[in-house]
Amino acid sequence: ELPPSEFMQVADSTWLVLSVVSNGREPPGCQATGVTKIARSVIAPLAEHHVSVLMLSTYQTDFILVRERDLPVVVHTLAGEFDIYKEESGECVPVTRDDVSNGFLKPKPSASPMLHPVQSPQTRFCVLTVAPDTLPAIATMLIDVLFYSHSPPWDGATGSQDLDSITFFSFSLIEGYISIVMDAETQKRFPSDLLLTSSTGELWRMVRIGGQPLGFDECGIVAQIAEPLAAADISAYYISTFNFDHALVPEEGISEVIQLLQQRQESGR
């Protein structure tokens, strides 16, 4: 419904949303949460089959967006490990490999892509939610933060931005569930009794992937970040945006995360 505008960029592809439901079955010995929980079973196989994904971690769960044209490859890749369903008129209908056999092309093997440079600002972030009925009480503040609290100027051509302190705010509303990621300083502007966080109240540090804006065709970026974190049993949220990818990891584990990713980058050279 948005009118065409020279100021709005829209990716060419149409994307479909995948959500992973465990049905109570957790991988043995896996305590990590977020994207690392599905790194080996979903993200890595898709990367190996050259499926480009966008990741969206929320307070409630994780979503994987894949291009509509890649659906046959996705189903063929994951059908051996998962029961796959599609939603039709509000009902979940099973999907089999035979249902999407038309258009399936076996991907050609190729070398794993290089790990992009990673940067970690000093900013501390909170992951939280808000009860839908309390949203009107903070609506004015949300609008101010979303549209009028601007980040420092950034030059996309040179990649120049002061990453000691990065402005990042994510608001998602999915099936009535609200999820917000904001820095700890911004959180102080909101009424504390309306923001719901985890019982531990942990803070998160960000790892931003890419020195330049990323494209939509490259695959394996999420896998290269999530796999080493999954091996180390480190929880992580992951948010893909139009230009960059962002991983949020527990504040106390940021040094280990940077070391793991640097080792991964050096081994890929």
Protein backbone atom coordinates (compact mmCIF):
# COMPACT_ATOMS: atom_id res chain seq x y z
CA GLU A 1 0.00 0.00 0.00
CA LEU A 2 3.02 2.30 0.23
CA PRO A 3 3.23 4.66 -2.76
CA PRO A 4 6.31 4.30 -4.99
CA SER A 5 9.05 6.71 -3.99
CA GLU A 6 12.57 7.49 -5.11
CA PHE A 7 13.52 7.44 -1.42
CA MET A 8 12.38 3.85 -0.82
CA GLN A 9 14.46 0.85 -1.91
CA VAL A 10 12.71 -2.51 -2.24
CA ALA A 11 14.50 -5.82 -2.72
CA ASP A 12 13.47 -7.58 -5.92
CA SER A 13 12.64 -10.94 -4.36
CA THR A 14 9.55 -11.99 -2.46
CA TRP A 15 10.45 -13.72 0.80
CA LEU A 16 8.68 -16.49 2.70
CA VAL A 17 8.88 -16.93 6.47
CA LEU A 18 9.98 -20.19 8.08
CA SER A 19 9.56 -20.75 11.81
CA VAL A 20 11.02 -23.78 13.57
CA VAL A 21 8.90 -25.50 16.22
CA SER A 22 10.73 -28.04 18.37
CA ASN A 23 7.65 -29.83 19.78
CA GLY A 24 9.58 -30.18 23.01
CA ARG A 25 12.45 -32.11 21.42
CA GLU A 26 15.73 -30.35 22.13
CA PRO A 27 19.12 -31.44 20.78
CA PRO A 28 21.03 -33.30 23.52
CA GLY A 29 23.42 -31.09 25.45
CA CYS A 30 22.24 -27.88 23.74
CA GLN A 31 21.57 -25.14 26.27
CA ALA A 32 22.06 -22.14 24.00
CA THR A 33 19.09 -20.13 22.82
CA GLY A 34 18.34 -18.03 19.79
CA VAL A 35 19.87 -18.58 16.38
CA THR A 36 22.55 -20.97 17.64
CA LYS A 37 19.83 -23.46 18.56
CA ILE A 38 18.99 -24.05 14.89
CA ALA A 39 22.42 -23.38 13.42
CA ARG A 40 23.40 -26.96 12.64
CA SER A 41 19.98 -28.33 11.71
CA VAL A 42 18.59 -25.52 9.55
CA ILE A 43 20.97 -22.67 8.80
CA ALA A 44 24.08 -24.66 7.91
CA PRO A 45 22.29 -27.08 5.52
CA LEU A 46 20.62 -24.17 3.72
CA ALA A 47 23.99 -22.43 3.35
CA GLU A 48 25.51 -25.63 1.94
CA HIS A 49 22.74 -25.68 -0.67
CA HIS A 50 23.32 -22.04 -1.54
CA VAL A 51 20.07 -20.69 -0.11
CA SER A 52 20.30 -17.04 0.89
CA VAL A 53 18.44 -16.29 4.13
CA LEU A 54 17.47 -13.33 6.25
CA MET A 55 17.29 -13.96 10.01
CA LEU A 56 14.94 -12.27 12.44
CA SER A 57 15.28 -13.16 16.12
CA THR A 58 12.54 -11.84 18.39
CA TYR A 59 11.85 -11.99 22.12
CA GLN A 60 9.56 -14.97 21.49
CA THR A 61 11.22 -17.00 18.73
CA ASP A 62 13.35 -16.98 15.56
CA PHE A 63 12.24 -16.62 11.95
CA ILE A 64 14.12 -17.52 8.78
CA LEU A 65 13.17 -15.71 5.59
CA VAL A 66 13.94 -17.45 2.29
CA ARG A 67 13.24 -16.29 -1.22
CA GLU A 68 10.08 -17.73 -2.72
CA ARG A 69 11.97 -19.07 -5.73
CA ASP A 70 14.25 -21.06 -3.39
CA LEU A 71 11.38 -22.94 -1.72
CA PRO A 72 11.92 -26.20 -3.69
CA VAL A 73 15.57 -26.31 -2.57
CA VAL A 74 14.56 -25.47 1.01
CA VAL A 75 12.01 -28.29 1.18
CA HIS A 76 14.34 -30.84 -0.42
CA THR A 77 17.10 -29.81 1.98
CA LEU A 78 15.11 -29.90 5.20
CA ALA A 79 12.50 -32.61 4.55
CA GLY A 80 14.78 -35.37 5.80
CA GLU A 81 15.18 -33.69 9.20
CA PHE A 82 11.87 -31.87 9.70
CA ASP A 83 8.15 -32.23 9.16
CA ILE A 84 7.32 -29.24 6.94
CA TYR A 85 3.95 -27.49 6.85
CA LYS A 86 2.54 -24.56 4.94
CA GLU A 87 -0.32 -22.40 6.05
CA GLU A 88 -3.43 -22.43 3.88
CA SER A 89 -6.55 -20.56 5.01
CA GLY A 90 -5.34 -20.68 8.59
CA GLU A 91 -4.69 -24.43 8.51
CA CYS A 92 -1.30 -26.18 8.53
CA VAL A 93 -0.95 -28.51 5.53
CA PRO A 94 1.96 -30.98 5.22
CA VAL A 95 4.47 -30.32 2.45
CA THR A 96 6.54 -33.10 0.87
CA ARG A 97 9.40 -33.06 -1.58
CA ASP A 98 7.05 -34.24 -4.31
CA ASP A 99 4.85 -31.18 -3.79
CA VAL A 100 7.69 -28.86 -4.90
CA SER A 101 9.59 -31.14 -7.27
CA ASN A 102 8.90 -28.81 -10.19
CA GLY A 103 11.69 -26.27 -10.45
CA PHE A 104 14.05 -28.10 -8.09
CA LEU A 105 17.64 -27.84 -9.21
CA LYS A 106 20.40 -29.61 -7.34
CA PRO A 107 22.87 -26.89 -6.34
CA LYS A 108 26.41 -27.03 -7.58
CA PRO A 109 29.08 -27.49 -4.91
CA SER A 110 31.32 -24.52 -4.28
CA ALA A 111 33.78 -23.28 -1.69
CA SER A 112 32.43 -21.75 1.51
CA PRO A 113 32.37 -17.94 1.26
CA MET A 114 34.78 -15.82 3.27
CA LEU A 115 33.69 -14.54 6.64
CA HIS A 116 32.88 -10.84 6.51
CA PRO A 117 34.67 -8.46 8.87
CA VAL A 118 32.95 -8.07 12.23
CA GLN A 119 32.77 -5.05 14.49
CA SER A 120 31.60 -4.83 18.08
CA PRO A 121 30.48 -1.44 19.43
CA GLN A 122 30.58 -0.77 23.17
CA THR A 123 26.81 -0.21 23.27
CA ARG A 124 24.86 -2.54 25.59
CA PHE A 125 21.46 -3.76 24.41
CA CYS A 126 18.26 -5.11 25.97
CA VAL A 127 15.88 -7.62 24.41
CA LEU A 128 12.34 -7.16 25.72
CA THR A 129 8.65 -7.31 25.03
CA VAL A 130 5.54 -5.29 25.82
CA ALA A 131 2.03 -6.49 26.56
CA PRO A 132 -0.14 -5.40 23.59
CA ASP A 133 -2.70 -3.68 25.81
CA THR A 134 0.01 -1.42 27.28
CA LEU A 135 1.36 -0.36 23.88
CA PRO A 136 -0.70 2.89 23.73
CA ALA A 137 1.02 4.08 26.92
CA ILE A 138 4.43 4.10 25.21
CA ALA A 139 3.32 4.83 21.63
CA THR A 140 4.52 8.45 21.66
CA MET A 141 7.91 7.43 22.99
CA LEU A 142 8.19 4.65 20.40
CA ILE A 143 7.45 7.05 17.56
CA ASP A 144 10.08 9.47 18.85
CA VAL A 145 12.75 6.76 19.10
CA LEU A 146 11.86 5.18 15.76
CA PHE A 147 11.65 8.30 13.63
CA TYR A 148 13.15 11.30 15.38
CA SER A 149 16.12 10.04 17.41
CA HIS A 150 18.56 9.82 14.54
CA SER A 151 21.93 8.10 14.56
CA PRO A 152 25.15 9.98 13.65
CA PRO A 153 25.69 10.59 9.92
CA TRP A 154 27.02 7.55 8.10
CA ASP A 155 28.76 7.48 4.73
CA GLY A 156 27.87 4.25 2.96
CA ALA A 157 30.57 4.77 0.36
CA THR A 158 33.40 4.82 2.86
CA GLY A 159 31.78 2.83 5.65
CA SER A 160 32.65 5.57 8.11
CA GLN A 161 30.73 5.51 11.35
CA ASP A 162 31.77 5.74 14.98
CA LEU A 163 31.19 2.17 16.10
CA ASP A 164 32.20 2.83 19.70
CA SER A 165 28.52 3.64 20.14
CA ILE A 166 26.03 2.49 17.51
CA THR A 167 22.35 3.47 17.36
CA PHE A 168 20.21 0.39 16.82
CA PHE A 169 16.49 -0.03 17.54
CA SER A 170 14.36 -2.95 16.37
CA PHE A 171 10.59 -3.18 16.76
CA SER A 172 8.63 -6.16 15.46
CA LEU A 173 4.94 -6.99 15.75
CA ILE A 174 4.22 -10.57 14.72
CA GLU A 175 0.82 -12.18 15.28
CA GLY A 176 0.16 -9.80 18.15
CA TYR A 177 3.49 -10.46 19.88
CA ILE A 178 5.74 -7.44 20.30
CA SER A 179 9.52 -7.71 20.40
CA ILE A 180 11.92 -4.81 20.92
CA VAL A 181 15.70 -4.50 20.90
CA MET A 182 17.06 -1.21 22.23
CA ASP A 183 20.22 0.06 23.87
CA ALA A 184 20.31 0.31 27.66
CA GLU A 185 20.34 4.13 27.61
CA THR A 186 17.22 4.31 25.45
CA GLN A 187 15.47 1.84 27.75
CA LYS A 188 15.75 4.37 30.58
CA ARG A 189 13.39 6.69 28.68
CA PHE A 190 10.52 4.17 28.92
CA PRO A 191 8.40 3.34 31.98
CA SER A 192 10.16 0.36 33.55
CA ASP A 193 6.92 -1.26 34.72
CA LEU A 194 5.69 -1.68 31.11
CA LEU A 195 8.79 -3.35 29.65
CA LEU A 196 9.04 -7.10 30.16
CA THR A 197 12.51 -8.66 30.09
CA SER A 198 13.85 -12.09 30.99
CA SER A 199 14.07 -12.99 34.66
CA THR A 200 17.87 -12.68 34.59
CA GLY A 201 17.77 -9.20 33.07
CA GLU A 202 20.88 -9.87 31.02
CA LEU A 203 22.40 -7.26 28.72
CA TRP A 204 23.66 -8.03 25.23
CA ARG A 205 26.53 -6.81 23.08
CA MET A 206 26.32 -6.58 19.32
CA VAL A 207 28.52 -7.99 16.59
CA ARG A 208 27.81 -6.24 13.30
CA ILE A 209 28.72 -8.22 10.20
CA GLY A 210 30.07 -6.47 7.14
CA GLY A 211 32.18 -3.38 6.59
CA GLN A 212 30.00 -2.46 3.61
CA PRO A 213 26.28 -3.08 3.01
CA LEU A 214 25.62 -6.76 2.28
CA GLY A 215 23.71 -8.01 -0.73
CA PHE A 216 20.82 -10.46 -0.80
CA ASP A 217 22.40 -13.10 -3.04
CA GLU A 218 25.34 -14.17 -0.89
CA CYS A 219 24.71 -17.18 1.29
CA GLY A 220 26.51 -18.62 4.31
CA ILE A 221 26.91 -15.40 6.32
CA VAL A 222 24.50 -16.43 9.08
CA ALA A 223 25.96 -19.95 9.16
CA GLN A 224 29.53 -18.70 9.56
CA ILE A 225 28.50 -16.65 12.57
CA ALA A 226 26.08 -19.13 14.14
CA GLU A 227 28.06 -22.35 13.76
CA PRO A 228 31.07 -21.44 15.95
CA LEU A 229 28.73 -19.94 18.55
CA ALA A 230 26.64 -23.12 18.54
CA ALA A 231 29.79 -25.24 18.98
CA ALA A 232 30.70 -23.11 22.02
CA ASP A 233 27.10 -23.27 23.35
CA ILE A 234 26.76 -19.46 23.25
CA SER A 235 23.29 -17.96 22.93
CA ALA A 236 22.71 -15.36 20.23
CA TYR A 237 19.96 -13.29 18.69
CA TYR A 238 20.40 -12.49 14.99
CA ILE A 239 18.73 -9.67 13.08
CA SER A 240 19.19 -9.14 9.35
CA THR A 241 18.38 -5.68 8.00
CA PHE A 242 18.39 -4.22 4.50
CA ASN A 243 22.10 -3.37 4.72
CA PHE A 244 23.76 -5.34 7.50
CA ASP A 245 23.48 -8.38 9.76
CA HIS A 246 23.62 -8.06 13.54
CA ALA A 247 24.28 -10.76 16.14
CA LEU A 248 23.50 -10.07 19.79
CA VAL A 249 25.43 -12.14 22.33
CA PRO A 250 25.54 -12.07 26.16
CA GLU A 251 27.63 -9.16 27.42
CA GLU A 252 29.92 -11.35 29.50
CA GLY A 253 30.74 -13.54 26.48
CA ILE A 254 31.65 -10.86 23.92
CA SER A 255 35.43 -11.40 24.21
CA GLU A 256 35.07 -15.13 23.56
CA VAL A 257 32.74 -14.49 20.63
CA ILE A 258 35.14 -12.04 18.95
CA GLN A 259 38.00 -14.51 19.44
CA LEU A 260 35.97 -17.37 17.93
CA LEU A 261 34.96 -15.32 14.90
CA GLN A 262 38.49 -14.04 14.33
CA GLN A 263 39.81 -17.61 14.46
CA ARG A 264 37.14 -18.64 11.95
CA GLN A 265 38.10 -15.77 9.67
CA GLU A 266 41.82 -16.57 9.85
CA SER A 267 41.23 -20.26 9.13
CA GLY A 268 39.23 -19.33 6.00
CA ARG A 269 42.03 -17.33 4.43
